[in-house]
Amino acid sequence: MNARERVLAALRHQPVNRVPRFEIWIDGLLDELDQPDPAAAAVYLGQDCLMMPSHQPPGSNAWREGVDEFGRVWSDGMYTAGVIDSWEALEQYSPSPETVDQYFDPVEVAAVRERYPDHCLIFGTHVGPFTAGYMAMGFARFFTGLYDDIDLVRRLLDHRTEWCIALYRRAVELGAEVVVLGDDAGQTEGPMIAPAMWRHLIQPRHRRIVDALDVPVIWHSDGSVLPLLPMAVEAGFAGFHGLEPAVGIDLGRVKRAYGQELALIGNVDIRVLFDDDFSAVRAEVDRCLAQGAPGGGYMLATCNSINVGRDNN
């Protein structure tokens, strides 16, 4: 059983010869690994999946400085605010889904596939309608808009859903075998919006995204989103990634409640990885395997991403 077969079998809750390693984002470690690109770094780390290469379009301010094409404001590479406050601004900052080709270089993607034919090629990014919505409007304007400007919010969510479908469809056309929908919806104490509102506004749009793709789709969210997992099942997601232990998520309990319906990915506490106590790291990995692996349908990963430690000096 090769890496691709392990990943796809785990998503189907089928037997695997070992638990797959499914780290999605490792970019924070690239400088330390002395590898030529993220795909090589993932293979070097023993991962079973590789992230499909993608790029921001030329001229985009995303992750740089200023307002980007989606109305998100960036300062020194960090998101700070959103500018959409009217129908006119929504039209201005809603790129056509026909422009998704700008994000991929087919030659580069094909080269990764050729170099690592036995690995599972995945694509994931935070373009889910909920996250894309509150980043475009800014947190305060978006969440108050759920009550006092709901028509604008709905149209924004519709556009971001259409954009998401177009981007992921293009990734699948280029060879992505699994898609990870980044749509952060959790805080420390629970979801950012009530489950009833999620069911009304977001779950149908997630269902549209899943139905539009012919590969397994995994939902990623940080934070405490356990009340939303029944709707993840209803939306048709193949799995859920994150399972952040810092907000009290118990992998064993989630496994018992949802392990027959969702493949579970993650729960390794990234706080443990920030220190150099290797025995603690091994114990954390052993805990996740003991809680998540029995019965299949589990892939080992951090609860967020592998990144640099607290002190970079």
Protein backbone atom coordinates (compact mmCIF):
# COMPACT_ATOMS: atom_id res chain seq x y z
CA MET A 1 0.00 0.00 0.00
CA ASN A 2 1.56 3.30 -1.08
CA ALA A 3 0.98 6.78 0.32
CA ARG A 4 -1.94 7.64 -1.97
CA GLU A 5 -3.68 4.36 -1.26
CA ARG A 6 -3.29 4.86 2.50
CA VAL A 7 -4.85 8.32 2.42
CA LEU A 8 -7.80 7.34 0.23
CA ALA A 9 -8.41 4.16 2.24
CA ALA A 10 -8.45 6.12 5.51
CA LEU A 11 -10.98 8.56 4.07
CA ARG A 12 -13.18 5.58 3.19
CA HIS A 13 -12.67 4.01 6.65
CA GLN A 14 -10.94 1.04 5.05
CA PRO A 15 -7.96 -0.88 6.53
CA VAL A 16 -4.50 0.68 6.10
CA ASN A 17 -1.03 -0.77 6.60
CA ARG A 18 -0.21 2.20 8.84
CA VAL A 19 -1.94 5.40 9.90
CA PRO A 20 -1.41 8.02 7.16
CA ARG A 21 0.50 11.20 7.93
CA PHE A 22 -1.60 14.05 6.56
CA GLU A 23 0.06 17.36 7.35
CA ILE A 24 -1.57 20.05 5.25
CA TRP A 25 0.50 23.20 5.76
CA ILE A 26 4.24 22.98 6.50
CA ASP A 27 5.38 26.27 4.96
CA GLY A 28 6.58 27.64 8.30
CA LEU A 29 9.32 25.01 8.40
CA LEU A 30 10.71 25.33 4.89
CA ASP A 31 13.66 27.54 5.81
CA GLU A 32 14.76 25.04 8.46
CA LEU A 33 14.48 21.90 6.33
CA ASP A 34 16.85 22.91 3.52
CA GLN A 35 14.54 21.42 0.90
CA PRO A 36 13.98 22.92 -2.56
CA ASP A 37 10.17 23.21 -2.34
CA PRO A 38 7.17 22.27 -0.16
CA ALA A 39 6.61 18.94 -1.95
CA ALA A 40 10.19 17.82 -1.34
CA ALA A 41 9.88 18.98 2.27
CA ALA A 42 6.71 16.95 2.80
CA VAL A 43 8.36 13.82 1.42
CA TYR A 44 11.43 14.49 3.57
CA LEU A 45 9.13 14.61 6.62
CA GLY A 46 7.53 11.28 5.69
CA GLN A 47 4.15 12.70 4.75
CA ASP A 48 1.66 10.75 2.66
CA CYS A 49 0.14 13.84 1.07
CA LEU A 50 1.63 16.68 -0.96
CA MET A 51 0.12 20.13 -1.32
CA MET A 52 -0.47 21.12 -4.92
CA PRO A 53 1.64 24.20 -5.68
CA SER A 54 -0.25 27.45 -6.16
CA HIS A 55 0.58 31.14 -6.20
CA GLN A 56 -1.08 34.50 -5.68
CA PRO A 57 -1.71 36.24 -9.02
CA PRO A 58 0.75 38.91 -10.12
CA GLY A 59 -0.21 42.25 -8.64
CA SER A 60 -2.30 40.80 -5.82
CA ASN A 61 -1.77 42.34 -2.40
CA ALA A 62 -2.85 39.17 -0.59
CA TRP A 63 -0.38 38.30 2.17
CA ARG A 64 1.56 41.45 1.27
CA GLU A 65 0.50 45.07 1.78
CA GLY A 66 -2.72 46.95 1.05
CA VAL A 67 -6.21 45.92 -0.08
CA ASP A 68 -6.38 42.78 -2.19
CA GLU A 69 -8.86 41.83 -4.91
CA PHE A 70 -11.26 40.33 -2.33
CA GLY A 71 -11.41 43.44 -0.13
CA ARG A 72 -9.09 42.08 2.55
CA VAL A 73 -6.60 44.53 4.06
CA TRP A 74 -3.03 43.36 4.71
CA SER A 75 -0.20 44.98 6.63
CA ASP A 76 3.29 43.46 6.49
CA GLY A 77 1.78 40.17 5.33
CA MET A 78 -0.85 39.97 8.08
CA TYR A 79 -4.61 40.32 7.69
CA THR A 80 -5.95 43.40 9.50
CA ALA A 81 -9.43 44.31 8.20
CA GLY A 82 -12.00 44.12 5.42
CA VAL A 83 -13.43 46.95 3.32
CA ILE A 84 -16.70 45.61 1.87
CA ASP A 85 -19.44 47.78 3.33
CA SER A 86 -21.89 48.17 0.43
CA TRP A 87 -23.21 46.52 -2.72
CA GLU A 88 -20.85 48.69 -4.76
CA ALA A 89 -17.85 47.53 -2.75
CA LEU A 90 -19.00 43.92 -3.06
CA GLU A 91 -19.06 44.26 -6.83
CA GLN A 92 -15.63 45.91 -6.83
CA TYR A 93 -14.03 43.23 -4.66
CA SER A 94 -15.55 40.07 -6.16
CA PRO A 95 -13.23 38.69 -8.84
CA SER A 96 -14.72 36.60 -11.60
CA PRO A 97 -14.46 32.85 -10.97
CA GLU A 98 -13.09 32.65 -14.51
CA THR A 99 -9.78 34.06 -13.21
CA VAL A 100 -8.85 31.02 -11.10
CA ASP A 101 -6.27 29.87 -13.67
CA GLN A 102 -4.01 32.63 -12.37
CA TYR A 103 -3.42 30.65 -9.18
CA PHE A 104 -1.83 27.60 -10.81
CA ASP A 105 1.07 26.77 -13.08
CA PRO A 106 0.08 23.50 -14.80
CA VAL A 107 3.70 22.73 -15.67
CA GLU A 108 4.76 23.09 -12.05
CA VAL A 109 1.88 20.91 -10.86
CA ALA A 110 2.67 18.23 -13.43
CA ALA A 111 6.32 18.23 -12.35
CA VAL A 112 5.33 17.52 -8.73
CA ARG A 113 3.03 14.71 -9.84
CA GLU A 114 5.80 13.21 -11.97
CA ARG A 115 8.39 13.40 -9.20
CA TYR A 116 6.16 11.83 -6.54
CA PRO A 117 3.66 9.56 -8.33
CA ASP A 118 2.86 7.46 -5.25
CA HIS A 119 1.88 10.35 -2.98
CA CYS A 120 -1.61 11.80 -2.61
CA LEU A 121 -1.84 15.24 -4.20
CA ILE A 122 -4.08 17.53 -2.17
CA PHE A 123 -5.14 21.14 -2.45
CA GLY A 124 -6.35 23.29 0.39
CA THR A 125 -6.70 26.96 1.20
CA HIS A 126 -8.87 29.23 3.33
CA VAL A 127 -11.45 30.28 0.75
CA GLY A 128 -14.50 28.81 2.46
CA PRO A 129 -17.49 31.18 2.28
CA PHE A 130 -17.65 31.89 6.02
CA THR A 131 -13.98 32.83 6.45
CA ALA A 132 -13.86 34.61 3.10
CA GLY A 133 -16.98 36.54 4.13
CA TYR A 134 -15.83 37.86 7.48
CA MET A 135 -12.37 38.66 6.15
CA ALA A 136 -13.82 40.66 3.25
CA MET A 137 -16.13 42.72 5.44
CA GLY A 138 -14.09 42.74 8.63
CA PHE A 139 -15.21 40.96 11.77
CA ALA A 140 -17.44 43.64 13.31
CA ARG A 141 -19.20 44.59 10.07
CA PHE A 142 -19.78 40.96 9.04
CA PHE A 143 -21.21 39.76 12.34
CA THR A 144 -23.45 42.80 12.84
CA GLY A 145 -24.44 42.42 9.18
CA LEU A 146 -25.93 39.02 9.99
CA TYR A 147 -28.70 41.01 11.67
CA ASP A 148 -28.84 44.42 10.00
CA ASP A 149 -27.63 43.77 6.42
CA ILE A 150 -28.33 40.10 5.82
CA ASP A 151 -29.02 40.47 2.07
CA LEU A 152 -25.51 41.86 1.51
CA VAL A 153 -24.01 39.07 3.61
CA ARG A 154 -25.93 36.41 1.68
CA ARG A 155 -24.77 37.76 -1.66
CA LEU A 156 -21.18 37.90 -0.40
CA LEU A 157 -21.43 34.29 0.79
CA ASP A 158 -22.87 33.27 -2.58
CA HIS A 159 -20.01 34.85 -4.49
CA ARG A 160 -17.36 33.32 -2.25
CA THR A 161 -19.05 29.93 -2.64
CA GLU A 162 -18.97 30.27 -6.42
CA TRP A 163 -15.34 31.36 -6.26
CA CYS A 164 -14.43 28.45 -4.01
CA ILE A 165 -16.09 25.93 -6.35
CA ALA A 166 -14.29 27.36 -9.38
CA LEU A 167 -10.88 27.33 -7.66
CA TYR A 168 -11.25 23.80 -6.34
CA ARG A 169 -12.61 22.48 -9.62
CA ARG A 170 -9.52 23.82 -11.37
CA ALA A 171 -7.31 22.15 -8.76
CA VAL A 172 -9.10 18.85 -9.37
CA GLU A 173 -8.71 19.24 -13.13
CA LEU A 174 -4.97 19.61 -12.56
CA GLY A 175 -4.81 16.46 -10.45
CA ALA A 176 -5.83 17.19 -6.87
CA GLU A 177 -7.14 13.95 -5.35
CA VAL A 178 -8.37 15.42 -2.06
CA VAL A 179 -9.54 18.97 -1.31
CA VAL A 180 -9.27 20.69 2.08
CA LEU A 181 -11.82 23.47 2.58
CA GLY A 182 -10.36 25.98 5.01
CA ASP A 183 -13.31 27.67 6.71
CA ASP A 184 -12.43 28.68 10.26
CA ALA A 185 -15.55 28.93 12.40
CA GLY A 186 -14.53 28.29 16.01
CA GLN A 187 -13.58 30.29 19.06
CA THR A 188 -12.30 28.98 22.38
CA GLU A 189 -15.76 28.51 23.83
CA GLY A 190 -17.67 27.44 20.75
CA PRO A 191 -18.66 28.36 17.18
CA MET A 192 -18.54 31.98 16.02
CA ILE A 193 -22.25 31.86 15.19
CA ALA A 194 -25.10 29.80 16.59
CA PRO A 195 -25.59 26.33 15.08
CA ALA A 196 -29.08 27.29 13.93
CA MET A 197 -27.68 30.21 11.93
CA TRP A 198 -24.88 27.98 10.58
CA ARG A 199 -27.48 25.50 9.35
CA HIS A 200 -29.36 28.28 7.59
CA LEU A 201 -26.45 30.25 6.09
CA ILE A 202 -23.36 28.06 5.77
CA GLN A 203 -24.29 24.37 5.69
CA PRO A 204 -26.18 24.64 2.35
CA ARG A 205 -23.21 26.44 0.79
CA HIS A 206 -20.82 23.78 2.09
CA ARG A 207 -23.12 21.18 0.56
CA ARG A 208 -22.92 23.00 -2.79
CA ILE A 209 -19.12 22.92 -2.67
CA VAL A 210 -18.97 19.22 -1.80
CA ASP A 211 -21.54 18.30 -4.47
CA ALA A 212 -19.64 20.29 -7.11
CA LEU A 213 -16.45 18.23 -6.69
CA ASP A 214 -15.83 14.59 -7.55
CA VAL A 215 -13.05 14.07 -4.99
CA PRO A 216 -13.25 13.77 -1.19
CA VAL A 217 -13.56 17.12 0.59
CA ILE A 218 -12.23 17.68 4.12
CA TRP A 219 -13.36 20.61 6.25
CA HIS A 220 -10.68 22.38 8.25
CA SER A 221 -11.50 24.69 11.14
CA ASP A 222 -9.62 25.86 14.18
CA GLY A 223 -11.40 26.34 17.49
CA SER A 224 -14.32 24.66 19.17
CA VAL A 225 -16.78 23.65 16.45
CA LEU A 226 -18.16 20.41 17.87
CA PRO A 227 -21.81 21.64 17.68
CA LEU A 228 -21.31 22.09 13.93
CA LEU A 229 -20.02 18.59 13.17
CA PRO A 230 -23.49 17.10 12.60
CA MET A 231 -23.89 19.63 9.79
CA ALA A 232 -20.46 18.68 8.43
CA VAL A 233 -21.81 15.16 8.08
CA GLU A 234 -24.97 16.47 6.40
CA ALA A 235 -22.88 18.58 4.02
CA GLY A 236 -21.16 15.44 2.81
CA PHE A 237 -17.62 16.12 3.99
CA ALA A 238 -15.37 13.07 3.94
CA GLY A 239 -13.44 14.23 6.97
CA PHE A 240 -12.69 16.96 9.46
CA HIS A 241 -9.26 18.43 10.20
CA GLY A 242 -8.16 20.35 13.24
CA LEU A 243 -9.60 18.95 16.46
CA GLU A 244 -7.75 21.52 18.55
CA PRO A 245 -6.98 20.13 22.03
CA ALA A 246 -6.33 23.64 23.42
CA VAL A 247 -10.08 24.33 23.27
CA GLY A 248 -10.95 21.08 25.01
CA ILE A 249 -11.59 18.79 22.06
CA ASP A 250 -11.22 15.17 23.17
CA LEU A 251 -10.28 13.03 20.17
CA GLY A 252 -11.59 9.85 21.76
CA ARG A 253 -15.02 11.35 22.35
CA VAL A 254 -15.22 12.81 18.85
CA LYS A 255 -14.16 9.44 17.44
CA ARG A 256 -16.98 7.69 19.28
CA ALA A 257 -19.53 10.29 18.21
CA TYR A 258 -18.53 10.90 14.58
CA GLY A 259 -15.81 8.40 13.67
CA GLN A 260 -18.17 6.27 11.59
CA GLU A 261 -19.24 9.22 9.46
CA LEU A 262 -16.19 11.48 9.26
CA ALA A 263 -12.54 10.64 8.85
CA LEU A 264 -10.76 12.51 11.63
CA ILE A 265 -7.45 14.25 11.00
CA GLY A 266 -5.31 16.04 13.55
CA ASN A 267 -5.45 16.70 17.32
CA VAL A 268 -1.65 16.65 17.81
CA ASP A 269 -1.11 19.69 20.04
CA ILE A 270 1.21 22.13 18.28
CA ARG A 271 2.18 23.62 21.66
CA VAL A 272 4.07 20.40 22.38
CA LEU A 273 6.02 20.79 19.14
CA PHE A 274 7.27 24.23 20.15
CA ASP A 275 9.55 22.69 22.80
CA ASP A 276 12.45 20.27 22.49
CA ASP A 277 11.08 17.58 24.80
CA PHE A 278 10.99 14.68 22.34
CA SER A 279 9.50 12.33 24.91
CA ALA A 280 6.51 14.70 25.21
CA VAL A 281 6.16 14.74 21.41
CA ARG A 282 6.20 10.94 21.27
CA ALA A 283 3.63 10.75 24.08
CA GLU A 284 1.37 13.22 22.25
CA VAL A 285 1.58 11.22 19.03
CA ASP A 286 0.96 7.96 20.92
CA ARG A 287 -2.13 9.51 22.56
CA CYS A 288 -3.60 10.57 19.22
CA LEU A 289 -2.94 7.17 17.66
CA ALA A 290 -4.49 5.37 20.62
CA GLN A 291 -7.62 7.55 20.52
CA GLY A 292 -7.99 8.01 16.78
CA ALA A 293 -6.64 4.95 14.99
CA PRO A 294 -8.82 2.06 16.27
CA GLY A 295 -11.35 1.10 13.62
CA GLY A 296 -9.68 3.20 10.92
CA GLY A 297 -10.72 6.55 9.56
CA TYR A 298 -7.94 8.53 11.25
CA MET A 299 -4.91 10.39 9.85
CA LEU A 300 -2.12 11.73 12.00
CA ALA A 301 -1.64 15.51 11.81
CA THR A 302 -1.23 18.56 13.95
CA CYS A 303 -4.35 20.40 15.04
CA ASN A 304 -3.35 23.33 12.81
CA SER A 305 -0.06 23.33 10.90
CA ILE A 306 3.62 22.70 11.42
CA ASN A 307 5.20 26.08 11.98
CA VAL A 308 8.17 27.73 13.61
CA GLY A 309 8.48 27.85 17.38
CA ARG A 310 7.77 30.65 19.82
CA ASP A 311 11.28 32.07 19.70
CA ASN A 312 12.84 32.45 16.29
CA ASN A 313 16.02 34.09 17.56
